[in-house]
Amino acid sequence: MRKKVKSAEQKVERLERQKKDLEVKLADPKFYDTSTADLEAMQIKFGQISKAIADAEQVWMEAQSALEEG
């Protein structure tokens, strides 16, 4: 179970880094000079990563709870 907790935690961390990278790109005004398709793709990717983070956090919390229970 500890392995599952560690794996889930690492996945959350990796996804959080990806989300932060996208946030930096989305915060750059020059990014909005790109094509509409690129903007849409980036927004879709951001949404997918946000959902993946929520899912990974759920797995992590469940594994952590199971580990604590014992």
Protein backbone atom coordinates (compact mmCIF):
# COMPACT_ATOMS: atom_id res chain seq x y z
CA MET A 1 0.00 0.00 0.00
CA ARG A 2 2.90 2.36 0.70
CA LYS A 3 3.99 1.90 -2.90
CA LYS A 4 0.54 2.92 -4.14
CA VAL A 5 0.58 6.02 -1.94
CA LYS A 6 4.04 7.01 -3.18
CA SER A 7 3.09 6.38 -6.82
CA ALA A 8 -0.09 8.45 -6.53
CA GLU A 9 1.80 11.24 -4.78
CA GLN A 10 4.42 11.32 -7.54
CA LYS A 11 1.70 11.42 -10.20
CA VAL A 12 0.05 14.39 -8.51
CA GLU A 13 3.39 16.20 -8.32
CA ARG A 14 4.13 15.52 -12.01
CA LEU A 15 0.70 16.74 -13.07
CA GLU A 16 1.01 19.85 -10.88
CA ARG A 17 4.30 20.69 -12.63
CA GLN A 18 2.62 20.28 -16.03
CA LYS A 19 -0.25 22.50 -14.92
CA LYS A 20 2.17 25.16 -13.66
CA ASP A 21 4.02 25.11 -17.01
CA LEU A 22 0.72 25.65 -18.83
CA GLU A 23 -0.26 28.44 -16.45
CA VAL A 24 3.01 30.22 -17.25
CA LYS A 25 2.31 29.91 -20.99
CA LEU A 26 -1.28 31.06 -20.57
CA ALA A 27 -0.15 34.07 -18.52
CA ASP A 28 2.12 35.28 -21.33
CA PRO A 29 0.25 37.86 -23.44
CA LYS A 30 2.30 36.85 -26.49
CA PHE A 31 0.80 33.39 -26.33
CA TYR A 32 -2.53 34.86 -27.41
CA ASP A 33 -0.99 35.96 -30.71
CA THR A 34 -1.05 32.30 -31.79
CA SER A 35 -3.81 30.63 -33.74
CA THR A 36 -7.24 29.98 -32.30
CA ALA A 37 -6.65 26.24 -32.71
CA ASP A 38 -3.52 26.46 -30.55
CA LEU A 39 -5.42 28.41 -27.89
CA GLU A 40 -8.24 25.87 -27.87
CA ALA A 41 -5.80 22.96 -27.70
CA MET A 42 -4.00 24.54 -24.75
CA GLN A 43 -7.26 25.18 -22.91
CA ILE A 44 -8.38 21.60 -23.51
CA LYS A 45 -5.05 20.29 -22.28
CA PHE A 46 -5.30 22.50 -19.19
CA GLY A 47 -8.75 21.09 -18.44
CA GLN A 48 -7.54 17.52 -18.93
CA ILE A 49 -4.60 18.05 -16.60
CA SER A 50 -6.85 19.66 -13.99
CA LYS A 51 -9.17 16.65 -14.10
CA ALA A 52 -6.25 14.23 -13.98
CA ILE A 53 -4.96 16.02 -10.88
CA ALA A 54 -8.34 15.68 -9.17
CA ASP A 55 -8.48 11.98 -10.08
CA ALA A 56 -4.91 11.35 -8.91
CA GLU A 57 -5.55 13.20 -5.65
CA GLN A 58 -8.59 11.00 -5.04
CA VAL A 59 -6.52 7.84 -5.58
CA TRP A 60 -3.81 9.22 -3.30
CA MET A 61 -6.29 10.09 -0.53
CA GLU A 62 -7.94 6.66 -0.73
CA ALA A 63 -4.58 4.88 -0.62
CA GLN A 64 -3.39 7.06 2.25
CA SER A 65 -6.58 6.38 4.19
CA ALA A 66 -6.29 2.63 3.59
CA LEU A 67 -2.66 2.74 4.76
CA GLU A 68 -3.58 4.60 7.93
CA GLU A 69 -6.43 2.21 8.69
CA GLY A 70 -4.16 -0.53 8.30
